[in-house]
C-alpha atoms as a PDB file:
ATOM      1  CA  MET A   1     -17.830 -41.386 -35.118  1.00  0.00           C
ATOM      2  CA  PHE A   2     -14.484 -40.883 -36.883  1.00  0.00           C
ATOM      3  CA  ASP A   3     -15.978 -41.095 -40.375  1.00  0.00           C
ATOM      4  CA  LYS A   4     -18.188 -38.035 -39.794  1.00  0.00           C
ATOM      5  CA  ASN A   5     -17.377 -34.481 -40.818  1.00  0.00           C
ATOM      6  CA  TRP A   6     -16.456 -32.812 -37.531  1.00  0.00           C
ATOM      7  CA  ALA A   7     -13.641 -30.654 -36.226  1.00  0.00           C
ATOM      8  CA  LYS A   8     -13.060 -31.308 -32.549  1.00  0.00           C
ATOM      9  CA  VAL A   9     -14.699 -32.293 -29.278  1.00  0.00           C
ATOM     10  CA  LEU A  10     -13.425 -30.648 -26.102  1.00  0.00           C
ATOM     11  CA  ILE A  11     -14.252 -32.230 -22.748  1.00  0.00           C
ATOM     12  CA  ILE A  12     -13.691 -30.148 -19.619  1.00  0.00           C
ATOM     13  CA  GLY A  13     -13.841 -31.595 -16.122  1.00  0.00           C
ATOM     14  CA  GLU A  14     -11.997 -32.146 -12.893  1.00  0.00           C
ATOM     15  CA  LYS A  15      -8.503 -33.612 -13.262  1.00  0.00           C
ATOM     16  CA  GLU A  16      -9.507 -36.977 -11.767  1.00  0.00           C
ATOM     17  CA  GLU A  17     -12.512 -37.251 -14.107  1.00  0.00           C
ATOM     18  CA  ILE A  18     -10.411 -36.394 -17.129  1.00  0.00           C
ATOM     19  CA  ASP A  19      -7.744 -38.917 -16.045  1.00  0.00           C
ATOM     20  CA  LEU A  20     -10.423 -41.623 -15.958  1.00  0.00           C
ATOM     21  CA  LEU A  21     -12.006 -40.599 -19.287  1.00  0.00           C
ATOM     22  CA  GLU A  22      -8.615 -40.590 -20.976  1.00  0.00           C
ATOM     23  CA  GLU A  23      -7.819 -44.057 -19.683  1.00  0.00           C
ATOM     24  CA  ILE A  24     -11.215 -45.479 -20.704  1.00  0.00           C
ATOM     25  CA  TYR A  25     -11.042 -43.876 -24.152  1.00  0.00           C
ATOM     26  CA  GLN A  26      -7.539 -45.189 -24.830  1.00  0.00           C
ATOM     27  CA  LYS A  27      -8.584 -48.715 -23.891  1.00  0.00           C
ATOM     28  CA  GLN A  28     -11.823 -48.546 -25.869  1.00  0.00           C
ATOM     29  CA  TYR A  29     -10.398 -47.001 -29.036  1.00  0.00           C
ATOM     30  CA  ASP A  30      -6.817 -48.285 -28.939  1.00  0.00           C
ATOM     31  CA  ASN A  31      -5.144 -44.878 -28.571  1.00  0.00           C
ATOM     32  CA  GLY A  32      -7.365 -43.119 -31.072  1.00  0.00           C
ATOM     33  CA  PRO A  33      -7.023 -39.402 -31.800  1.00  0.00           C
ATOM     34  CA  ILE A  34      -7.181 -38.036 -28.267  1.00  0.00           C
ATOM     35  CA  VAL A  35      -4.927 -35.493 -26.625  1.00  0.00           C
ATOM     36  CA  ARG A  36      -4.642 -34.038 -23.158  1.00  0.00           C
ATOM     37  CA  THR A  37      -4.362 -30.245 -23.392  1.00  0.00           C
ATOM     38  CA  GLY A  38      -4.255 -29.513 -19.682  1.00  0.00           C
ATOM     39  CA  ASP A  39      -5.133 -31.136 -16.391  1.00  0.00           C
ATOM     40  CA  ARG A  40      -8.814 -30.427 -16.966  1.00  0.00           C
ATOM     41  CA  TYR A  41      -9.033 -30.643 -20.778  1.00  0.00           C
ATOM     42  CA  LEU A  42      -9.325 -33.600 -23.122  1.00  0.00           C
ATOM     43  CA  GLU A  43      -9.648 -33.138 -26.890  1.00  0.00           C
ATOM     44  CA  LEU A  44     -10.915 -35.587 -29.492  1.00  0.00           C
ATOM     45  CA  ALA A  45     -10.041 -34.777 -33.085  1.00  0.00           C
ATOM     46  CA  PRO A  46     -10.084 -36.556 -36.418  1.00  0.00           C
ATOM     47  CA  PHE A  47      -6.957 -38.480 -37.395  1.00  0.00           C
ATOM     48  CA  ASN A  48      -4.146 -36.378 -38.897  1.00  0.00           C
ATOM     49  CA  THR A  49      -5.306 -33.171 -37.260  1.00  0.00           C
ATOM     50  CA  SER A  50      -2.450 -31.849 -35.180  1.00  0.00           C
ATOM     51  CA  LYS A  51      -0.136 -28.874 -35.109  1.00  0.00           C
ATOM     52  CA  GLY A  52       2.740 -31.099 -36.178  1.00  0.00           C
ATOM     53  CA  HIS A  53       0.869 -32.552 -39.136  1.00  0.00           C
ATOM     54  CA  ALA A  54      -0.199 -29.061 -40.255  1.00  0.00           C
ATOM     55  CA  LEU A  55       3.338 -27.674 -39.928  1.00  0.00           C
ATOM     56  CA  GLY A  56       4.702 -30.573 -41.961  1.00  0.00           C
ATOM     57  CA  ILE A  57       2.212 -29.869 -44.768  1.00  0.00           C
ATOM     58  CA  LEU A  58       3.049 -26.172 -44.658  1.00  0.00           C
ATOM     59  CA  CYS A  59       6.796 -26.870 -44.845  1.00  0.00           C
ATOM     60  CA  ASP A  60       6.276 -29.171 -47.820  1.00  0.00           C
ATOM     61  CA  LYS A  61       4.086 -26.640 -49.671  1.00  0.00           C
ATOM     62  CA  LEU A  62       6.477 -23.738 -49.045  1.00  0.00           C
ATOM     63  CA  GLY A  63       9.672 -25.725 -49.560  1.00  0.00           C
ATOM     64  CA  ILE A  64      10.920 -25.096 -46.024  1.00  0.00           C
ATOM     65  CA  ASP A  65      13.700 -27.377 -44.850  1.00  0.00           C
ATOM     66  CA  ARG A  66      12.475 -29.038 -41.636  1.00  0.00           C
ATOM     67  CA  ASP A  67      16.083 -29.261 -40.434  1.00  0.00           C
ATOM     68  CA  ARG A  68      15.978 -25.499 -40.038  1.00  0.00           C
ATOM     69  CA  LEU A  69      12.908 -25.530 -37.763  1.00  0.00           C
ATOM     70  CA  ILE A  70      12.913 -24.994 -34.016  1.00  0.00           C
ATOM     71  CA  THR A  71       9.561 -25.574 -32.332  1.00  0.00           C
ATOM     72  CA  PHE A  72       8.245 -24.837 -28.863  1.00  0.00           C
ATOM     73  CA  GLY A  73       5.286 -26.275 -27.011  1.00  0.00           C
ATOM     74  CA  ASP A  74       3.720 -26.446 -23.591  1.00  0.00           C
ATOM     75  CA  ASN A  75       1.169 -29.248 -23.615  1.00  0.00           C
ATOM     76  CA  MET A  76       0.425 -32.635 -25.104  1.00  0.00           C
ATOM     77  CA  ASN A  77      -1.303 -31.116 -28.130  1.00  0.00           C
ATOM     78  CA  ASP A  78       2.204 -29.911 -29.079  1.00  0.00           C
ATOM     79  CA  SER A  79       3.792 -33.365 -28.866  1.00  0.00           C
ATOM     80  CA  GLU A  80       3.866 -34.061 -32.618  1.00  0.00           C
ATOM     81  CA  LEU A  81       4.827 -30.445 -33.340  1.00  0.00           C
ATOM     82  CA  LEU A  82       8.017 -30.878 -31.327  1.00  0.00           C
ATOM     83  CA  THR A  83       9.143 -33.732 -33.600  1.00  0.00           C
ATOM     84  CA  VAL A  84       8.702 -31.922 -36.938  1.00  0.00           C
ATOM     85  CA  GLY A  85      11.839 -29.779 -36.899  1.00  0.00           C
ATOM     86  CA  ALA A  86      15.482 -30.155 -35.982  1.00  0.00           C
ATOM     87  CA  LEU A  87      14.866 -29.110 -32.383  1.00  0.00           C
ATOM     88  CA  GLY A  88      11.708 -29.265 -30.292  1.00  0.00           C
ATOM     89  CA  PHE A  89      11.479 -27.647 -26.875  1.00  0.00           C
ATOM     90  CA  CYS A  90       8.947 -27.947 -24.098  1.00  0.00           C
ATOM     91  CA  VAL A  91       8.784 -24.777 -22.052  1.00  0.00           C
ATOM     92  CA  GLU A  92       9.730 -24.936 -18.386  1.00  0.00           C
ATOM     93  CA  ASN A  93       6.149 -24.250 -17.281  1.00  0.00           C
ATOM     94  CA  GLY A  94       4.744 -26.839 -19.704  1.00  0.00           C
ATOM     95  CA  SER A  95       3.055 -30.115 -18.820  1.00  0.00           C
ATOM     96  CA  GLU A  96       5.108 -32.703 -16.966  1.00  0.00           C
ATOM     97  CA  ARG A  97       4.057 -35.356 -19.488  1.00  0.00           C
ATOM     98  CA  LEU A  98       5.401 -33.349 -22.409  1.00  0.00           C
ATOM     99  CA  LYS A  99       8.657 -32.541 -20.576  1.00  0.00           C
ATOM    100  CA  ILE A 100       9.232 -36.274 -20.040  1.00  0.00           C
ATOM    101  CA  GLU A 101       8.951 -37.058 -23.751  1.00  0.00           C
ATOM    102  CA  THR A 102      10.851 -33.995 -24.986  1.00  0.00           C
ATOM    103  CA  ALA A 103      14.634 -33.915 -25.173  1.00  0.00           C
ATOM    104  CA  HIS A 104      14.971 -30.149 -24.702  1.00  0.00           C
ATOM    105  CA  ILE A 105      13.523 -27.764 -22.128  1.00  0.00           C
ATOM    106  CA  ALA A 106      13.337 -23.997 -22.732  1.00  0.00           C
ATOM    107  CA  PRO A 107      12.600 -21.247 -20.201  1.00  0.00           C
ATOM    108  CA  SER A 108       8.985 -20.512 -19.272  1.00  0.00           C
ATOM    109  CA  ASN A 109       6.815 -19.100 -22.022  1.00  0.00           C
ATOM    110  CA  ASP A 110       6.528 -16.061 -19.743  1.00  0.00           C
ATOM    111  CA  ASN A 111      10.284 -15.435 -20.153  1.00  0.00           C
ATOM    112  CA  HIS A 112      10.892 -14.596 -23.802  1.00  0.00           C
ATOM    113  CA  ILE A 113      11.620 -18.023 -25.284  1.00  0.00           C
ATOM    114  CA  ILE A 114      12.204 -16.643 -28.787  1.00  0.00           C
ATOM    115  CA  ASP A 115      14.911 -14.365 -27.358  1.00  0.00           C
ATOM    116  CA  TYR A 116      16.351 -17.444 -25.615  1.00  0.00           C
ATOM    117  CA  ALA A 117      16.347 -19.397 -28.867  1.00  0.00           C
ATOM    118  CA  ILE A 118      18.107 -16.655 -30.801  1.00  0.00           C
ATOM    119  CA  LYS A 119      20.778 -16.089 -28.144  1.00  0.00           C
ATOM    120  CA  ASN A 120      21.414 -19.671 -27.091  1.00  0.00           C
ATOM    121  CA  ILE A 121      20.533 -21.926 -30.003  1.00  0.00           C
ATOM    122  CA  ILE A 122      20.876 -20.071 -33.276  1.00  0.00           C
ATOM    123  CA  ASN A 123      24.073 -18.202 -32.399  1.00  0.00           C
END
């Protein structure tokens, strides 16, 4: 399956069903390229396809110093993204799983997180 030319598979179901599918998949494929993007969403993608991987490539191509990056995310598909720069924040209303693995929490994405970053982090 992973040697084919495909972009992404999105599985939508009830939370309990998605929990079970995620567990089975991780056991079967030894933590292959799978990400939980919400209680009811499970995504399968080819290896090296993530927001973090893409941002790293973009930084390298444009000569952007990763130590100057601040990233924000709200779900597990942002996990790698939050490790690319100097600071990675999960928003307050983000997934509990992401908040556990992220060192910094920002206000809800409904409450002007860029304004928060400028006033509280950059200054």
